[in-house]
């Protein structure tokens, strides 16, 4: 697997699910955030450190494609890739999978992406700092 792909395991908790024990659709964006946050924390800096610099990175666009449901107590893997960095935006893609207990093969549950704008605390578009871009460059996904 490409070193720029970040994989984070997460155990689905009861609060993630609806009355049928299936993960509520809106929670997949939260799972995307978990993957992105942990990738950034491990490889660049925490989001809290970004905020200390007077920046926030709100989601300006998102897309999800549901392929199969996740259930209460599933151990899922959130796969995150940084695929684009521009002057004031960055884009991450995601794939959420679950290992099939019988076969050991991964089953695709959801895939999608988020685009983030760099804005200051007043909400004005602000270029990403060069040193942050430089720190993020090694994370950029390169197709094998």
C-alpha atoms as a PDB file:
ATOM      1  CA  UNK A   1       0.000   0.000   0.000  1.00  0.00           C
ATOM      2  CA  UNK A   2       1.169   3.526  -0.783  1.00  0.00           C
ATOM      3  CA  UNK A   3       2.736   5.231   2.269  1.00  0.00           C
ATOM      4  CA  UNK A   4       0.534   8.281   1.658  1.00  0.00           C
ATOM      5  CA  UNK A   5      -2.591   6.266   2.481  1.00  0.00           C
ATOM      6  CA  UNK A   6      -3.522   6.598   6.158  1.00  0.00           C
ATOM      7  CA  UNK A   7      -5.598   3.853   7.801  1.00  0.00           C
ATOM      8  CA  UNK A   8      -7.348   4.335  11.142  1.00  0.00           C
ATOM      9  CA  UNK A   9      -9.416   1.689  12.924  1.00  0.00           C
ATOM     10  CA  UNK A  10     -12.638   2.680  14.653  1.00  0.00           C
ATOM     11  CA  UNK A  11     -15.136   0.550  16.576  1.00  0.00           C
ATOM     12  CA  UNK A  12     -18.751   1.569  15.836  1.00  0.00           C
ATOM     13  CA  UNK A  13     -20.452   2.571  19.092  1.00  0.00           C
ATOM     14  CA  UNK A  14     -24.151   2.382  19.857  1.00  0.00           C
ATOM     15  CA  UNK A  15     -24.554   6.162  19.529  1.00  0.00           C
ATOM     16  CA  UNK A  16     -23.381   5.923  15.878  1.00  0.00           C
ATOM     17  CA  UNK A  17     -26.399   3.818  14.942  1.00  0.00           C
ATOM     18  CA  UNK A  18     -30.102   4.264  14.291  1.00  0.00           C
ATOM     19  CA  UNK A  19     -32.906   2.212  15.844  1.00  0.00           C
ATOM     20  CA  UNK A  20     -32.077  -0.680  13.507  1.00  0.00           C
ATOM     21  CA  UNK A  21     -28.457  -0.908  14.682  1.00  0.00           C
ATOM     22  CA  UNK A  22     -27.174   0.437  11.351  1.00  0.00           C
ATOM     23  CA  UNK A  23     -24.770   3.388  11.258  1.00  0.00           C
ATOM     24  CA  UNK A  24     -26.757   6.567  10.609  1.00  0.00           C
ATOM     25  CA  UNK A  25     -25.777   8.012   7.215  1.00  0.00           C
ATOM     26  CA  UNK A  26     -24.681  11.421   8.566  1.00  0.00           C
ATOM     27  CA  UNK A  27     -22.093   9.784  10.798  1.00  0.00           C
ATOM     28  CA  UNK A  28     -19.946   8.830   7.819  1.00  0.00           C
ATOM     29  CA  UNK A  29     -18.892  12.483   7.497  1.00  0.00           C
ATOM     30  CA  UNK A  30     -17.838  12.300  11.153  1.00  0.00           C
ATOM     31  CA  UNK A  31     -15.854   9.149  10.359  1.00  0.00           C
ATOM     32  CA  UNK A  32     -14.190  11.048   7.499  1.00  0.00           C
ATOM     33  CA  UNK A  33     -13.268  13.755  10.011  1.00  0.00           C
ATOM     34  CA  UNK A  34     -11.773  11.178  12.378  1.00  0.00           C
ATOM     35  CA  UNK A  35      -9.581   9.808   9.583  1.00  0.00           C
ATOM     36  CA  UNK A  36      -8.502  13.257   8.394  1.00  0.00           C
ATOM     37  CA  UNK A  37      -7.836  14.569  11.910  1.00  0.00           C
ATOM     38  CA  UNK A  38      -5.766  11.568  12.934  1.00  0.00           C
ATOM     39  CA  UNK A  39      -3.814  11.624   9.667  1.00  0.00           C
ATOM     40  CA  UNK A  40      -2.960  15.302  10.142  1.00  0.00           C
ATOM     41  CA  UNK A  41      -2.123  14.807  13.839  1.00  0.00           C
ATOM     42  CA  UNK A  42       0.250  11.926  13.092  1.00  0.00           C
ATOM     43  CA  UNK A  43       1.927  13.348   9.996  1.00  0.00           C
ATOM     44  CA  UNK A  44       1.777  17.168  10.229  1.00  0.00           C
ATOM     45  CA  UNK A  45       0.196  18.771  13.298  1.00  0.00           C
ATOM     46  CA  UNK A  46      -3.034  18.734  15.244  1.00  0.00           C
ATOM     47  CA  UNK A  47      -6.031  20.725  14.093  1.00  0.00           C
ATOM     48  CA  UNK A  48      -5.724  22.598  17.389  1.00  0.00           C
ATOM     49  CA  UNK A  49      -2.259  23.744  16.251  1.00  0.00           C
ATOM     50  CA  UNK A  50      -3.761  24.968  12.966  1.00  0.00           C
ATOM     51  CA  UNK A  51      -6.362  26.956  14.918  1.00  0.00           C
ATOM     52  CA  UNK A  52      -3.626  28.500  17.093  1.00  0.00           C
ATOM     53  CA  UNK A  53      -2.281  29.998  13.860  1.00  0.00           C
ATOM     54  CA  UNK A  54      -5.591  31.801  13.356  1.00  0.00           C
ATOM     55  CA  UNK A  55      -6.885  29.442  10.659  1.00  0.00           C
ATOM     56  CA  UNK A  56      -9.829  27.131  10.338  1.00  0.00           C
ATOM     57  CA  UNK A  57     -10.406  24.625   7.551  1.00  0.00           C
ATOM     58  CA  UNK A  58     -14.171  24.281   7.115  1.00  0.00           C
ATOM     59  CA  UNK A  59     -15.650  21.742   4.734  1.00  0.00           C
ATOM     60  CA  UNK A  60     -16.839  23.535   1.589  1.00  0.00           C
ATOM     61  CA  UNK A  61     -17.786  20.453  -0.410  1.00  0.00           C
ATOM     62  CA  UNK A  62     -18.436  16.820   0.413  1.00  0.00           C
ATOM     63  CA  UNK A  63     -19.479  13.689  -1.408  1.00  0.00           C
ATOM     64  CA  UNK A  64     -20.384  10.234  -0.109  1.00  0.00           C
ATOM     65  CA  UNK A  65     -21.285   7.056  -1.933  1.00  0.00           C
ATOM     66  CA  UNK A  66     -22.786   4.357   0.264  1.00  0.00           C
ATOM     67  CA  UNK A  67     -22.064   0.800  -0.859  1.00  0.00           C
ATOM     68  CA  UNK A  68     -22.936  -1.341   2.195  1.00  0.00           C
ATOM     69  CA  UNK A  69     -24.017  -0.664   5.775  1.00  0.00           C
ATOM     70  CA  UNK A  70     -21.895  -0.691   8.914  1.00  0.00           C
ATOM     71  CA  UNK A  71     -23.432  -2.000  12.133  1.00  0.00           C
ATOM     72  CA  UNK A  72     -23.075  -1.534  15.863  1.00  0.00           C
ATOM     73  CA  UNK A  73     -19.774  -2.966  17.150  1.00  0.00           C
ATOM     74  CA  UNK A  74     -18.213  -3.327  13.685  1.00  0.00           C
ATOM     75  CA  UNK A  75     -14.514  -2.626  13.532  1.00  0.00           C
ATOM     76  CA  UNK A  76     -14.179  -0.365  10.511  1.00  0.00           C
ATOM     77  CA  UNK A  77     -11.104   1.044   8.817  1.00  0.00           C
ATOM     78  CA  UNK A  78     -11.139   4.647   7.665  1.00  0.00           C
ATOM     79  CA  UNK A  79      -8.701   5.073   4.782  1.00  0.00           C
ATOM     80  CA  UNK A  80      -7.728   8.697   4.141  1.00  0.00           C
ATOM     81  CA  UNK A  81      -5.688  10.278   1.353  1.00  0.00           C
ATOM     82  CA  UNK A  82      -4.684  13.880   0.771  1.00  0.00           C
ATOM     83  CA  UNK A  83      -5.131  14.255  -2.985  1.00  0.00           C
ATOM     84  CA  UNK A  84      -4.818  17.994  -3.615  1.00  0.00           C
ATOM     85  CA  UNK A  85      -3.334  21.128  -2.066  1.00  0.00           C
ATOM     86  CA  UNK A  86      -3.957  24.526  -3.602  1.00  0.00           C
ATOM     87  CA  UNK A  87      -3.331  28.071  -2.376  1.00  0.00           C
ATOM     88  CA  UNK A  88      -6.499  28.233  -0.245  1.00  0.00           C
ATOM     89  CA  UNK A  89      -7.962  24.716  -0.428  1.00  0.00           C
ATOM     90  CA  UNK A  90      -7.131  21.084   0.103  1.00  0.00           C
ATOM     91  CA  UNK A  91      -8.985  17.879  -0.761  1.00  0.00           C
ATOM     92  CA  UNK A  92      -9.084  14.524   0.996  1.00  0.00           C
ATOM     93  CA  UNK A  93     -10.592  11.268  -0.237  1.00  0.00           C
ATOM     94  CA  UNK A  94     -11.866   8.463   1.970  1.00  0.00           C
ATOM     95  CA  UNK A  95     -12.764   4.827   1.840  1.00  0.00           C
ATOM     96  CA  UNK A  96     -14.404   3.039   4.756  1.00  0.00           C
ATOM     97  CA  UNK A  97     -14.097  -0.732   4.815  1.00  0.00           C
ATOM     98  CA  UNK A  98     -14.887  -3.607   7.148  1.00  0.00           C
ATOM     99  CA  UNK A  99     -12.953  -6.866   7.195  1.00  0.00           C
ATOM    100  CA  UNK A 100     -15.187  -9.857   6.534  1.00  0.00           C
ATOM    101  CA  UNK A 101     -14.702 -12.161   9.536  1.00  0.00           C
ATOM    102  CA  UNK A 102     -15.098 -15.295   7.424  1.00  0.00           C
ATOM    103  CA  UNK A 103     -12.916 -14.436   4.442  1.00  0.00           C
ATOM    104  CA  UNK A 104     -10.654 -11.740   5.894  1.00  0.00           C
ATOM    105  CA  UNK A 105     -11.276  -9.679   2.766  1.00  0.00           C
ATOM    106  CA  UNK A 106     -12.248  -6.038   3.113  1.00  0.00           C
ATOM    107  CA  UNK A 107     -15.731  -4.982   2.110  1.00  0.00           C
ATOM    108  CA  UNK A 108     -16.197  -1.432   0.843  1.00  0.00           C
ATOM    109  CA  UNK A 109     -18.852   0.373   2.886  1.00  0.00           C
ATOM    110  CA  UNK A 110     -18.507   4.005   1.842  1.00  0.00           C
ATOM    111  CA  UNK A 111     -16.245   6.214  -0.232  1.00  0.00           C
ATOM    112  CA  UNK A 112     -16.149   9.945  -0.738  1.00  0.00           C
ATOM    113  CA  UNK A 113     -14.243  13.178  -0.402  1.00  0.00           C
ATOM    114  CA  UNK A 114     -14.169  16.526   1.360  1.00  0.00           C
ATOM    115  CA  UNK A 115     -12.775  19.862   0.187  1.00  0.00           C
ATOM    116  CA  UNK A 116     -11.615  22.379   2.791  1.00  0.00           C
ATOM    117  CA  UNK A 117     -11.043  26.116   2.487  1.00  0.00           C
ATOM    118  CA  UNK A 118      -8.453  27.974   4.524  1.00  0.00           C
ATOM    119  CA  UNK A 119     -10.112  30.896   6.279  1.00  0.00           C
ATOM    120  CA  UNK A 120      -9.083  33.209   9.091  1.00  0.00           C
ATOM    121  CA  UNK A 121     -11.095  33.583  12.287  1.00  0.00           C
ATOM    122  CA  UNK A 122     -13.219  36.280  10.604  1.00  0.00           C
ATOM    123  CA  UNK A 123     -14.192  33.838   7.850  1.00  0.00           C
ATOM    124  CA  UNK A 124     -12.091  35.427   5.105  1.00  0.00           C
ATOM    125  CA  UNK A 125     -10.266  33.163   2.629  1.00  0.00           C
ATOM    126  CA  UNK A 126      -6.609  33.080   3.612  1.00  0.00           C
ATOM    127  CA  UNK A 127      -3.737  31.311   1.848  1.00  0.00           C
ATOM    128  CA  UNK A 128      -2.445  28.200   3.559  1.00  0.00           C
ATOM    129  CA  UNK A 129       0.907  29.033   5.183  1.00  0.00           C
ATOM    130  CA  UNK A 130       3.858  27.875   3.081  1.00  0.00           C
ATOM    131  CA  UNK A 131       5.355  25.848   5.930  1.00  0.00           C
ATOM    132  CA  UNK A 132       2.046  24.011   6.387  1.00  0.00           C
ATOM    133  CA  UNK A 133       1.878  23.270   2.654  1.00  0.00           C
ATOM    134  CA  UNK A 134       5.490  22.059   2.789  1.00  0.00           C
ATOM    135  CA  UNK A 135       4.636  19.767   5.731  1.00  0.00           C
ATOM    136  CA  UNK A 136       1.592  18.393   3.906  1.00  0.00           C
ATOM    137  CA  UNK A 137       3.342  17.796   0.551  1.00  0.00           C
ATOM    138  CA  UNK A 138       4.801  14.396   1.551  1.00  0.00           C
ATOM    139  CA  UNK A 139       1.248  13.221   2.363  1.00  0.00           C
ATOM    140  CA  UNK A 140       0.001  13.869  -1.172  1.00  0.00           C
ATOM    141  CA  UNK A 141      -1.262  10.613  -2.624  1.00  0.00           C
ATOM    142  CA  UNK A 142       0.795   9.285  -5.499  1.00  0.00           C
ATOM    143  CA  UNK A 143      -0.761   6.531  -7.587  1.00  0.00           C
ATOM    144  CA  UNK A 144       1.434   3.432  -7.671  1.00  0.00           C
END
